[in-house]
Protein backbone atom coordinates (compact mmCIF):
# COMPACT_ATOMS: atom_id res chain seq x y z
CA MET A 1 2.74 -16.27 3.50
CA THR A 2 2.53 -12.59 5.08
CA THR A 3 -0.17 -11.60 7.19
CA SER A 4 -2.16 -8.10 6.94
CA ALA A 5 0.07 -7.18 9.92
CA GLU A 6 2.97 -7.84 9.14
CA LEU A 7 2.85 -6.35 5.70
CA LEU A 8 2.50 -3.03 8.13
CA GLU A 9 5.70 -3.54 10.23
CA LEU A 10 7.75 -4.24 6.61
CA SER A 11 8.72 -0.27 5.82
CA PRO A 12 7.24 2.67 7.51
CA VAL A 13 6.05 3.30 4.09
CA MET A 14 4.63 1.75 1.64
CA PRO A 15 5.08 3.12 -2.14
CA VAL A 16 2.40 2.97 -4.08
CA VAL A 17 3.65 2.77 -8.28
CA VAL A 18 1.97 3.61 -10.84
CA LEU A 19 3.89 1.51 -13.90
CA ASP A 20 3.33 2.80 -17.52
CA GLU A 21 5.96 0.16 -18.39
CA ALA A 22 6.16 -3.50 -17.05
CA GLU A 23 9.85 -3.36 -18.42
CA ILE A 24 11.52 -1.06 -15.16
CA ALA A 25 9.50 -2.78 -13.11
CA ALA A 26 11.95 -5.06 -11.53
CA ASP A 27 14.73 -2.14 -11.65
CA THR A 28 12.08 0.12 -9.82
CA ALA A 29 11.53 -2.83 -6.94
CA ARG A 30 15.67 -3.58 -6.94
CA ALA A 31 16.31 0.70 -6.56
CA LEU A 32 13.63 0.40 -3.46
CA VAL A 33 14.99 -2.52 -1.85
CA ALA A 34 18.61 -1.56 -2.51
CA GLY A 35 16.72 1.81 -0.21
CA GLY A 36 15.65 -0.32 2.63
CA ILE A 37 11.59 -0.50 1.33
CA ARG A 38 10.80 -4.73 1.37
CA VAL A 39 7.05 -4.08 0.36
CA ILE A 40 5.66 -2.62 -2.32
CA GLU A 41 2.00 -1.13 -4.08
CA LEU A 42 1.70 -1.37 -7.57
CA THR A 43 -1.72 -0.16 -8.21
CA LEU A 44 -3.76 -1.50 -11.02
CA ARG A 45 -4.00 2.08 -12.77
CA THR A 46 -2.01 1.09 -16.59
CA PRO A 47 -2.41 -1.34 -18.72
CA ALA A 48 0.96 -2.80 -17.95
CA ALA A 49 0.35 -2.97 -14.17
CA LEU A 50 -0.04 -7.00 -13.96
CA GLU A 51 2.57 -7.55 -16.08
CA ALA A 52 4.58 -5.08 -13.78
CA ILE A 53 3.35 -7.70 -11.22
CA ARG A 54 4.52 -10.73 -12.68
CA ARG A 55 7.74 -9.33 -12.99
CA ILE A 56 8.84 -8.57 -9.52
CA ALA A 57 6.65 -11.30 -8.00
CA ALA A 58 8.95 -13.50 -10.47
CA GLU A 59 12.60 -11.40 -10.22
CA VAL A 60 13.17 -9.36 -7.16
CA PRO A 61 12.29 -11.94 -4.49
CA ASP A 62 13.26 -9.44 -1.35
CA ILE A 63 10.35 -7.35 -1.86
CA VAL A 64 6.95 -8.27 -0.77
CA VAL A 65 4.55 -7.25 -4.46
CA GLY A 66 1.07 -6.34 -3.93
CA ALA A 67 -1.85 -4.85 -6.31
CA GLY A 68 -3.74 -1.95 -5.71
CA THR A 69 -6.98 -0.17 -6.42
CA VAL A 70 -8.34 -3.50 -6.54
CA LEU A 71 -12.14 -1.90 -7.57
CA THR A 72 -13.78 -5.59 -8.69
CA PRO A 73 -13.78 -9.27 -8.08
CA GLU A 74 -11.90 -9.82 -11.65
CA HIS A 75 -9.35 -7.21 -10.32
CA ALA A 76 -8.61 -9.34 -7.17
CA GLU A 77 -8.72 -12.80 -9.21
CA GLN A 78 -6.48 -11.18 -11.96
CA ALA A 79 -3.73 -10.09 -9.56
CA ALA A 80 -3.90 -13.27 -7.62
CA ASP A 81 -3.11 -14.91 -10.76
CA ALA A 82 -0.44 -12.84 -11.68
CA GLY A 83 1.39 -13.37 -8.61
CA ALA A 84 0.49 -10.76 -5.97
CA ALA A 85 1.12 -11.34 -2.27
CA PHE A 86 -1.46 -8.67 -0.95
CA LEU A 87 -4.81 -6.89 -2.34
CA VAL A 88 -5.48 -3.05 -1.50
CA THR A 89 -8.66 -1.33 -2.36
CA PRO A 90 -9.35 2.43 -2.10
CA GLY A 91 -13.18 1.54 -0.33
CA SER A 92 -15.06 -1.83 0.95
CA THR A 93 -18.51 -3.45 -0.64
CA ASP A 94 -19.76 -6.14 0.32
CA THR A 95 -19.05 -8.16 -3.46
CA LEU A 96 -15.10 -6.66 -3.38
CA LEU A 97 -14.64 -7.82 0.32
CA ALA A 98 -15.97 -11.30 -0.74
CA ALA A 99 -13.81 -11.65 -3.26
CA LEU A 100 -11.03 -10.45 -1.63
CA ALA A 101 -11.93 -13.70 0.79
CA GLY A 102 -11.70 -15.57 -2.05
CA THR A 103 -8.33 -15.67 -3.26
CA GLY A 104 -6.84 -16.41 0.39
CA LEU A 105 -4.48 -13.66 0.28
CA PRO A 106 -4.24 -11.07 2.59
CA ALA A 107 -5.58 -7.20 2.22
CA LEU A 108 -6.36 -3.91 3.17
CA PRO A 109 -9.40 -2.61 2.34
CA GLY A 110 -10.14 0.95 2.53
CA ALA A 111 -12.42 3.11 5.01
CA ALA A 112 -12.18 6.97 5.46
CA THR A 113 -14.72 7.01 7.96
CA VAL A 114 -15.73 5.24 11.51
CA SER A 115 -18.70 3.62 10.30
CA GLU A 116 -16.49 2.02 6.74
CA ALA A 117 -13.99 1.22 9.81
CA MET A 118 -16.94 -0.46 12.33
CA ARG A 119 -18.15 -2.50 9.96
CA LEU A 120 -14.96 -3.76 8.30
CA ALA A 121 -14.12 -4.47 12.41
CA GLU A 122 -17.27 -6.21 12.37
CA ARG A 123 -15.99 -8.74 9.92
CA GLY A 124 -12.91 -9.12 12.44
CA ILE A 125 -10.74 -7.34 9.67
CA ASP A 126 -8.25 -5.03 12.08
CA THR A 127 -5.87 -3.69 9.58
CA LEU A 128 -7.62 -1.04 7.25
CA LYS A 129 -6.08 1.47 4.43
CA PHE A 130 -7.12 5.24 5.51
CA PHE A 131 -7.90 6.31 1.92
CA PRO A 132 -7.76 9.78 0.42
CA ALA A 133 -5.88 10.66 3.85
CA GLU A 134 -5.20 14.04 3.63
CA ALA A 135 -8.56 14.90 2.45
CA SER A 136 -10.66 12.85 5.53
CA GLY A 137 -9.01 14.70 7.80
CA GLY A 138 -5.32 13.25 8.10
CA VAL A 139 -3.86 13.31 11.21
CA ALA A 140 -6.38 14.57 13.18
CA ALA A 141 -8.56 12.31 11.81
CA LEU A 142 -6.94 9.43 12.37
CA LYS A 143 -6.11 10.28 16.04
CA ALA A 144 -9.87 10.72 16.53
CA ILE A 145 -10.83 7.16 14.79
CA GLY A 146 -8.25 5.86 17.86
CA GLY A 147 -10.16 6.97 20.92
CA PRO A 148 -13.46 4.88 19.90
CA LEU A 149 -11.75 2.46 17.76
CA PRO A 150 -8.44 1.69 19.54
CA GLY A 151 -8.27 -1.97 18.39
CA LEU A 152 -8.00 -0.69 14.60
CA ARG A 153 -4.41 -0.43 12.73
CA PHE A 154 -3.67 1.41 9.51
CA CYS A 155 -2.01 2.37 6.81
CA PRO A 156 -3.49 5.99 5.62
CA THR A 157 -2.48 6.63 1.93
CA GLY A 158 -3.57 9.98 -0.33
CA GLY A 159 -1.61 13.24 -0.22
CA ILE A 160 1.21 12.32 2.48
CA THR A 161 4.37 13.76 2.33
CA VAL A 162 7.98 12.96 3.70
CA ALA A 163 7.44 15.99 5.38
CA THR A 164 3.88 14.83 7.08
CA ALA A 165 4.95 10.95 7.07
CA PRO A 166 6.10 11.66 10.31
CA ASP A 167 3.19 13.06 11.91
CA TYR A 168 1.60 10.06 11.04
CA LEU A 169 3.40 7.26 11.78
CA ALA A 170 3.70 9.35 15.69
CA LEU A 171 0.20 7.88 16.15
CA ALA A 172 -0.45 4.43 17.87
CA ASN A 173 -2.42 3.45 15.23
CA VAL A 174 -0.95 4.07 12.23
CA ALA A 175 1.61 1.10 11.23
CA CYS A 176 3.06 2.59 8.23
CA VAL A 177 1.81 5.20 5.58
CA GLY A 178 1.66 4.81 1.71
CA GLY A 179 3.58 7.32 -0.04
CA SER A 180 3.49 8.11 -4.20
CA TRP A 181 7.15 10.38 -3.40
CA LEU A 182 8.92 7.38 -3.58
CA THR A 183 8.76 7.04 -7.63
CA PRO A 184 8.32 10.45 -9.01
CA LYS A 185 6.45 9.86 -12.18
CA ASP A 186 9.72 12.02 -14.15
CA ALA A 187 12.04 9.37 -12.33
CA LEU A 188 10.04 6.23 -13.68
CA ALA A 189 10.29 8.12 -17.22
CA ALA A 190 13.62 8.81 -17.19
CA ARG A 191 14.66 5.50 -15.68
CA ASP A 192 16.42 7.01 -12.47
CA PHE A 193 17.08 4.47 -10.48
CA ALA A 194 19.27 6.28 -8.02
CA ARG A 195 16.90 8.82 -7.53
CA ILE A 196 14.63 6.36 -6.14
CA GLU A 197 16.80 4.11 -4.46
CA THR A 198 17.60 8.01 -2.36
CA LEU A 199 13.97 8.72 -1.75
CA ALA A 200 13.60 5.00 -0.40
CA LYS A 201 16.67 5.21 2.14
CA GLU A 202 15.07 8.83 3.22
CA ALA A 203 11.58 6.78 3.06
CA SER A 204 12.81 3.66 5.27
CA ALA A 205 14.96 5.66 8.14
CA LEU A 206 11.66 7.73 8.93
CA ALA A 207 10.92 6.96 12.61
CA ARG A 208 7.87 4.46 13.51
């Protein structure tokens, strides 16, 4: 099983994907793999999400599929049952953290402040999601957090683009960034997997 720290090393960008149709899940994942991406966060924001995770886990072994927008213990259990290899949350509560641990899967719990990050560190969690990144201070905030909390590593997500990603990746405490730009809604609707592959190639070439 891939650890949380290892997840962040798979690709410089972790695609944050929202799928309305499970039927295109495997082809979307294959396009990302063809572009050099080895990890995908499939968000639980649509009714198709769990089936999409099942299909990717079963049909695309070259990518590590995780579930994002995990908000409840039920979400955590359902995602694990569907074959998710890791779990990502936008924030952290005691109930949710217990549920994440209960699945036995690696997780990236969300934090947006120093206090939230310290609270997770007290639990022995040192690999976090920083969300919402741009709205929470972006690069400057993460650089500042790295001063008192140098042992934590982050995957910032939220408002990051291909243009701003390099600024995040240049930080010592950022291992990868989360990005929704790799799978634009219009490209998914048009089943334009060639475009997704091109965007994935651009993202996988970003320096860390």
